[in-house]
Protein backbone atom coordinates (compact mmCIF):
# COMPACT_ATOMS: atom_id res chain seq x y z
CA UNK A 1 -17.70 -30.80 -40.68
CA UNK A 2 -21.25 -32.00 -40.20
CA UNK A 3 -23.46 -30.16 -37.72
CA UNK A 4 -20.64 -29.44 -35.25
CA UNK A 5 -21.73 -27.16 -32.42
CA UNK A 6 -19.47 -26.51 -29.43
CA UNK A 7 -19.34 -23.97 -26.62
CA UNK A 8 -15.99 -23.57 -24.91
CA UNK A 9 -15.96 -21.79 -21.54
CA UNK A 10 -13.54 -18.94 -20.97
CA UNK A 11 -10.43 -20.08 -19.08
CA UNK A 12 -11.10 -23.79 -19.58
CA UNK A 13 -8.95 -26.47 -21.25
CA UNK A 14 -11.07 -28.12 -23.93
CA UNK A 15 -9.87 -31.28 -25.65
CA UNK A 16 -10.92 -32.42 -29.11
CA UNK A 17 -9.99 -36.06 -29.69
CA UNK A 18 -10.36 -38.32 -32.69
CA UNK A 19 -8.49 -40.59 -35.08
CA UNK A 20 -6.63 -39.23 -38.12
CA UNK A 21 -9.11 -37.85 -40.64
CA UNK A 22 -11.85 -37.28 -38.06
CA UNK A 23 -11.88 -33.54 -38.76
CA UNK A 24 -10.02 -32.24 -35.69
CA UNK A 25 -7.53 -29.98 -37.47
CA UNK A 26 -10.20 -28.65 -39.83
CA UNK A 27 -12.28 -27.69 -36.80
CA UNK A 28 -9.28 -25.91 -35.30
CA UNK A 29 -8.72 -23.91 -38.51
CA UNK A 30 -12.37 -22.87 -38.40
CA UNK A 31 -11.94 -21.47 -34.90
CA UNK A 32 -9.47 -18.82 -36.07
CA UNK A 33 -11.13 -18.55 -39.48
CA UNK A 34 -8.17 -19.82 -41.46
CA UNK A 35 -10.88 -21.89 -43.08
CA UNK A 36 -14.30 -20.35 -43.70
CA UNK A 37 -17.39 -22.40 -42.81
CA UNK A 38 -19.93 -23.02 -45.57
CA UNK A 39 -22.72 -22.57 -43.02
CA UNK A 40 -23.11 -21.60 -39.40
CA UNK A 41 -20.95 -19.14 -37.51
CA UNK A 42 -17.79 -18.94 -35.40
CA UNK A 43 -17.96 -16.70 -32.34
CA UNK A 44 -14.83 -15.77 -30.41
CA UNK A 45 -15.44 -13.73 -27.27
CA UNK A 46 -18.91 -12.92 -28.59
CA UNK A 47 -17.70 -11.70 -32.00
CA UNK A 48 -18.96 -13.42 -35.14
CA UNK A 49 -15.81 -13.75 -37.23
CA UNK A 50 -17.81 -14.17 -40.42
CA UNK A 51 -19.44 -10.77 -39.92
CA UNK A 52 -16.14 -8.91 -39.49
CA UNK A 53 -14.06 -7.20 -42.13
CA UNK A 54 -10.76 -8.89 -42.94
CA UNK A 55 -8.88 -6.14 -41.06
CA UNK A 56 -10.92 -6.64 -37.90
CA UNK A 57 -10.70 -10.42 -38.30
CA UNK A 58 -6.90 -10.16 -38.34
CA UNK A 59 -7.09 -8.20 -35.10
CA UNK A 60 -9.12 -11.01 -33.50
CA UNK A 61 -6.63 -13.58 -34.79
CA UNK A 62 -3.88 -11.74 -32.91
CA UNK A 63 -5.74 -12.66 -29.72
CA UNK A 64 -5.52 -16.34 -30.69
CA UNK A 65 -2.19 -18.10 -30.24
CA UNK A 66 -1.25 -21.29 -32.09
CA UNK A 67 1.04 -24.18 -31.08
CA UNK A 68 1.96 -26.75 -33.73
CA UNK A 69 2.99 -30.40 -33.69
CA UNK A 70 6.27 -29.80 -35.55
CA UNK A 71 7.10 -26.55 -33.70
CA UNK A 72 7.34 -24.42 -36.93
CA UNK A 73 10.29 -22.39 -35.62
CA UNK A 74 12.57 -20.30 -37.84
CA UNK A 75 15.90 -22.15 -38.00
CA UNK A 76 17.78 -18.95 -38.90
CA UNK A 77 16.51 -17.04 -35.85
CA UNK A 78 17.57 -17.44 -32.24
CA UNK A 79 15.10 -18.56 -29.59
CA UNK A 80 14.65 -14.90 -28.62
CA UNK A 81 14.21 -13.94 -32.27
CA UNK A 82 11.52 -16.59 -32.77
CA UNK A 83 9.54 -15.41 -29.75
CA UNK A 84 9.92 -11.73 -30.66
CA UNK A 85 8.87 -12.24 -34.29
CA UNK A 86 5.05 -11.98 -33.80
CA UNK A 87 5.59 -8.94 -31.59
CA UNK A 88 7.44 -7.15 -34.38
CA UNK A 89 4.63 -8.08 -36.79
CA UNK A 90 2.21 -6.52 -34.28
CA UNK A 91 4.17 -3.25 -34.50
CA UNK A 92 6.09 -3.29 -31.21
CA UNK A 93 9.44 -1.53 -31.11
CA UNK A 94 12.63 -3.55 -30.84
CA UNK A 95 13.26 -2.86 -27.15
CA UNK A 96 9.65 -3.53 -26.13
CA UNK A 97 9.50 -6.73 -28.19
CA UNK A 98 12.74 -7.94 -26.63
CA UNK A 99 11.49 -7.23 -23.11
CA UNK A 100 8.22 -9.10 -23.70
CA UNK A 101 10.01 -12.02 -25.39
CA UNK A 102 12.37 -12.35 -22.41
CA UNK A 103 9.37 -12.27 -20.07
CA UNK A 104 7.59 -15.20 -21.72
CA UNK A 105 10.86 -17.14 -22.03
CA UNK A 106 11.20 -16.83 -18.25
CA UNK A 107 7.64 -18.11 -17.88
CA UNK A 108 8.40 -21.27 -19.88
CA UNK A 109 11.80 -21.72 -18.18
CA UNK A 110 14.03 -21.04 -21.20
CA UNK A 111 15.51 -17.62 -20.50
CA UNK A 112 19.06 -19.09 -20.50
CA UNK A 113 18.52 -20.43 -24.03
CA UNK A 114 17.58 -17.07 -25.55
CA UNK A 115 20.67 -16.86 -27.80
CA UNK A 116 20.60 -20.46 -28.96
CA UNK A 117 19.10 -21.71 -32.24
CA UNK A 118 16.25 -24.25 -32.53
CA UNK A 119 18.51 -27.09 -33.73
CA UNK A 120 20.51 -26.76 -30.51
CA UNK A 121 17.43 -27.61 -28.43
CA UNK A 122 15.62 -30.82 -27.57
CA UNK A 123 12.12 -31.47 -28.88
CA UNK A 124 10.55 -30.51 -25.57
CA UNK A 125 12.54 -27.28 -25.42
CA UNK A 126 11.55 -26.39 -28.98
CA UNK A 127 7.90 -26.95 -28.11
CA UNK A 128 8.27 -24.66 -25.10
CA UNK A 129 9.71 -22.04 -27.45
CA UNK A 130 6.63 -22.55 -29.63
CA UNK A 131 4.39 -22.02 -26.60
CA UNK A 132 6.36 -18.91 -25.61
CA UNK A 133 5.99 -17.50 -29.13
CA UNK A 134 2.24 -18.18 -29.05
CA UNK A 135 1.96 -16.41 -25.67
CA UNK A 136 4.07 -13.42 -26.68
CA UNK A 137 1.10 -11.35 -27.87
CA UNK A 138 -0.90 -12.14 -24.69
CA UNK A 139 -3.66 -14.12 -26.42
CA UNK A 140 -6.93 -14.95 -24.74
CA UNK A 141 -7.17 -18.27 -26.62
CA UNK A 142 -4.44 -20.82 -27.32
CA UNK A 143 -4.99 -23.45 -30.03
CA UNK A 144 -2.77 -26.52 -29.75
CA UNK A 145 -2.71 -28.82 -32.79
CA UNK A 146 -1.25 -32.18 -31.68
CA UNK A 147 1.26 -30.22 -29.58
CA UNK A 148 2.67 -33.31 -27.85
CA UNK A 149 2.49 -35.92 -30.62
CA UNK A 150 6.16 -35.58 -31.57
CA UNK A 151 7.39 -35.87 -27.97
CA UNK A 152 8.36 -38.78 -25.73
CA UNK A 153 6.08 -39.59 -22.73
CA UNK A 154 8.15 -37.76 -20.09
CA UNK A 155 8.52 -34.63 -22.23
CA UNK A 156 4.80 -34.80 -23.02
CA UNK A 157 4.03 -34.61 -19.30
CA UNK A 158 6.34 -31.61 -18.92
CA UNK A 159 4.66 -29.77 -21.81
CA UNK A 160 1.19 -30.61 -20.45
CA UNK A 161 2.22 -29.26 -17.03
CA UNK A 162 3.32 -26.04 -18.72
CA UNK A 163 0.01 -25.74 -20.59
CA UNK A 164 -1.81 -26.29 -17.31
CA UNK A 165 0.13 -23.34 -15.86
CA UNK A 166 -0.80 -21.26 -18.91
CA UNK A 167 -4.47 -21.89 -18.22
CA UNK A 168 -4.27 -21.61 -14.44
CA UNK A 169 -1.92 -18.65 -14.03
CA UNK A 170 -2.64 -16.63 -17.17
CA UNK A 171 -6.34 -17.49 -17.56
CA UNK A 172 -5.88 -18.44 -21.21
CA UNK A 173 -8.57 -20.59 -22.83
CA UNK A 174 -6.90 -23.64 -24.36
CA UNK A 175 -8.31 -25.75 -27.19
CA UNK A 176 -6.23 -28.90 -27.52
CA UNK A 177 -6.39 -31.21 -30.54
CA UNK A 178 -5.09 -34.73 -29.93
CA UNK A 179 -5.54 -38.39 -30.84
CA UNK A 180 -4.37 -39.47 -27.37
CA UNK A 181 -6.99 -39.81 -24.65
CA UNK A 182 -4.14 -39.90 -22.14
CA UNK A 183 -3.45 -36.24 -22.97
CA UNK A 184 -7.12 -35.41 -22.40
CA UNK A 185 -7.05 -37.22 -19.06
CA UNK A 186 -4.00 -35.27 -17.95
CA UNK A 187 -5.07 -31.69 -18.63
CA UNK A 188 -8.57 -31.12 -20.01
CA UNK A 189 -11.74 -29.96 -18.24
CA UNK A 190 -14.08 -30.98 -21.05
CA UNK A 191 -13.70 -33.08 -24.18
CA UNK A 192 -15.39 -33.57 -27.55
CA UNK A 193 -14.91 -36.84 -29.43
CA UNK A 194 -14.97 -36.63 -33.23
CA UNK A 195 -15.55 -39.20 -35.93
CA UNK A 196 -16.03 -38.60 -39.68
CA UNK A 197 -16.46 -34.84 -39.27
CA UNK A 198 -19.04 -35.14 -36.48
CA UNK A 199 -18.89 -34.66 -32.73
CA UNK A 200 -20.19 -37.99 -31.44
CA UNK A 201 -19.84 -37.23 -27.74
CA UNK A 202 -18.99 -34.30 -25.49
CA UNK A 203 -18.94 -33.59 -21.78
CA UNK A 204 -16.84 -33.23 -18.65
CA UNK A 205 -13.71 -35.37 -18.80
CA UNK A 206 -14.51 -37.51 -15.77
CA UNK A 207 -18.09 -38.14 -16.91
CA UNK A 208 -16.95 -39.12 -20.41
CA UNK A 209 -14.26 -41.44 -19.04
CA UNK A 210 -16.59 -43.01 -16.47
CA UNK A 211 -19.62 -43.42 -18.75
CA UNK A 212 -18.66 -43.35 -22.45
CA UNK A 213 -21.77 -43.56 -24.63
CA UNK A 214 -20.32 -43.92 -28.13
CA UNK A 215 -18.18 -46.90 -29.28
CA UNK A 216 -15.41 -44.57 -30.49
CA UNK A 217 -15.30 -42.86 -27.12
CA UNK A 218 -15.26 -46.19 -25.31
CA UNK A 219 -12.30 -47.37 -27.41
CA UNK A 220 -10.37 -44.15 -26.62
CA UNK A 221 -11.15 -44.46 -22.89
CA UNK A 222 -10.07 -48.10 -22.75
CA UNK A 223 -6.77 -47.23 -24.47
CA UNK A 224 -6.06 -44.58 -21.83
CA UNK A 225 -7.16 -46.49 -18.74
CA UNK A 226 -6.05 -49.99 -19.83
CA UNK A 227 -8.05 -51.30 -16.89
CA UNK A 228 -9.78 -54.28 -18.54
CA UNK A 229 -7.84 -57.48 -19.36
CA UNK A 230 -7.33 -58.20 -23.05
CA UNK A 231 -8.74 -61.47 -24.45
CA UNK A 232 -5.35 -63.22 -24.19
CA UNK A 233 -4.99 -61.96 -20.61
CA UNK A 234 -8.41 -63.41 -19.73
CA UNK A 235 -7.22 -66.82 -20.95
CA UNK A 236 -4.14 -66.63 -18.71
CA UNK A 237 -6.22 -65.44 -15.75
CA UNK A 238 -8.63 -68.36 -16.15
CA UNK A 239 -5.70 -70.78 -16.28
CA UNK A 240 -4.23 -69.36 -13.07
CA UNK A 241 -7.42 -68.78 -11.08
CA UNK A 242 -9.93 -71.54 -10.44
CA UNK A 243 -12.57 -69.33 -8.80
CA UNK A 244 -15.10 -67.04 -10.45
CA UNK A 245 -13.55 -63.95 -12.13
CA UNK A 246 -15.47 -60.72 -11.56
CA UNK A 247 -14.63 -57.20 -12.74
CA UNK A 248 -15.73 -54.43 -10.39
CA UNK A 249 -15.55 -50.76 -11.50
CA UNK A 250 -13.71 -48.25 -9.34
CA UNK A 251 -15.17 -44.73 -9.45
CA UNK A 252 -14.90 -41.49 -7.49
CA UNK A 253 -16.41 -43.08 -4.38
CA UNK A 254 -13.58 -45.60 -4.53
CA UNK A 255 -12.80 -45.75 -0.80
CA UNK A 256 -16.46 -46.16 0.18
CA UNK A 257 -16.97 -48.74 -2.58
CA UNK A 258 -13.96 -50.74 -1.41
CA UNK A 259 -15.23 -50.80 2.16
CA UNK A 260 -18.68 -51.95 1.02
CA UNK A 261 -17.16 -54.71 -1.11
CA UNK A 262 -14.99 -55.89 1.80
CA UNK A 263 -18.05 -55.96 4.07
CA UNK A 264 -20.07 -57.96 1.54
CA UNK A 265 -17.32 -60.51 1.08
CA UNK A 266 -16.95 -61.00 4.83
CA UNK A 267 -20.70 -61.28 5.41
CA UNK A 268 -21.04 -63.99 2.76
CA UNK A 269 -17.81 -65.83 3.64
CA UNK A 270 -16.38 -65.28 0.16
CA UNK A 271 -12.58 -65.22 -0.23
CA UNK A 272 -10.94 -63.19 -2.98
CA UNK A 273 -7.67 -62.60 -4.80
CA UNK A 274 -6.92 -59.57 -6.97
CA UNK A 275 -6.29 -61.06 -10.41
CA UNK A 276 -5.95 -57.82 -12.42
CA UNK A 277 -6.26 -54.12 -11.68
CA UNK A 278 -6.10 -50.85 -13.55
CA UNK A 279 -6.98 -47.68 -11.66
CA UNK A 280 -5.91 -44.20 -12.76
CA UNK A 281 -6.68 -40.65 -11.64
CA UNK A 282 -8.95 -38.54 -13.82
CA UNK A 283 -9.35 -34.95 -12.64
CA UNK A 284 -7.92 -36.00 -9.26
CA UNK A 285 -10.51 -38.76 -8.84
CA UNK A 286 -9.96 -42.53 -9.13
CA UNK A 287 -11.33 -44.39 -12.13
CA UNK A 288 -10.79 -47.87 -13.50
CA UNK A 289 -11.60 -51.42 -12.51
CA UNK A 290 -10.39 -54.36 -10.45
CA UNK A 291 -10.80 -57.99 -11.54
CA UNK A 292 -11.18 -60.35 -8.60
CA UNK A 293 -11.15 -64.11 -8.26
CA UNK A 294 -14.02 -64.98 -5.90
CA UNK A 295 -13.97 -68.29 -4.02
CA UNK A 296 -16.83 -69.69 -2.00
CA UNK A 297 -20.24 -71.31 -2.29
CA UNK A 298 -22.03 -70.42 -5.54
CA UNK A 299 -25.05 -69.04 -3.68
CA UNK A 300 -22.81 -66.77 -1.57
CA UNK A 301 -20.97 -65.44 -4.62
CA UNK A 302 -24.33 -64.93 -6.40
CA UNK A 303 -25.59 -62.92 -3.42
CA UNK A 304 -22.52 -60.65 -3.51
CA UNK A 305 -22.84 -60.09 -7.26
CA UNK A 306 -26.57 -59.42 -7.02
CA UNK A 307 -25.98 -56.74 -4.41
CA UNK A 308 -23.14 -55.12 -6.42
CA UNK A 309 -25.14 -55.24 -9.66
CA UNK A 310 -27.94 -53.27 -8.00
CA UNK A 311 -25.48 -50.42 -7.39
CA UNK A 312 -23.03 -50.55 -10.27
CA UNK A 313 -22.02 -52.48 -13.39
CA UNK A 314 -20.26 -55.73 -12.59
CA UNK A 315 -18.77 -58.05 -15.19
CA UNK A 316 -18.46 -61.76 -14.40
CA UNK A 317 -16.50 -64.32 -16.40
C-alpha cells in the first residue's frame, strides 16, 4: 500500500476495483487488521484498531463479516452447521445459535437446504450460505473478497441482488473487492480504483463512469459499458456507411439530449442512421454513447458538430 486513504460511509456499498496484484485484497485484510499497517491507522466505527488490545480487536472483528471467492465452507458440516459455527465461537448456546442460523438462512432463501452439505449445492447457493454465515453474528460491516468471481453471469446478478438487500434492509456497510467494473456498476454507491498499491481514482460510481480521469479507470469503464466501437468495428462501419461517423455521449439528461440532437439535425437538414450504440444504466441513470452516420452538406454537419461540441464531448471519424 502506498498512501491509501479512504473514508467509507456507514450503510453504503463501496467498491474497490483493480487488476490482479493491484493491492485490493491486501487493503481488505488491513480493514479487519488481519494485516497490520506499517504506518497510518485503520478506524472502524471510530475505533483505531491499532490502539486496541488484541482482545478488544477480536471483539471488533466479530462485527465485521467476511465473504470469500471460494466460499470456504466446511464440507463435513451441513448448511445449518456452517452458518451456526461462528455463533458457537461467539459463545451462543446450541438452541440460540440454531434459531439465529435458521433466521439468516430464511433471509438468503435457503431455509429448505439447512440439512444439506455444501457439495450438494450449486455455486450460487454455496455463496449464499457464505453470506448467511457472515451475517450470522449481525455484523455492521461486510467485506466481500471477489465474492462473485467464481460464478456465472446470471448467478452473479442473483448474489449482487442479495448483497443489495443486505445493505438496504439490514443497513450493513459493504466493502466489495472486484476486478469487474460490471459488478461495481450493478451494486456500488462509490468506488476506488487501485493500481500498484495506490488508489488512482475514487468517487461516486456514476461520476467515475461518466468522467474517468485515470487511464486505468477509463479502461475498466470501457470494458463495462462496451459503448465505443473497437478498431475492427470502425473499419466495418466505414465500409458500410458513406457519411460522416460521429460518436455522441449519452448521459443522465439522455432524453433532453436526444430531443436537442433531433432538433439540430432537422434544423440543418442533416439525415442520420444509427451505426452503433451502447447505452447502459448506472445507478438508474443512462450512460454510454451512440455512433451516428450523418449525411448532408459539410457546412450543415459542421454546424451540428460545433453546437454539440460546445455542450459535450463529440468524437468524429
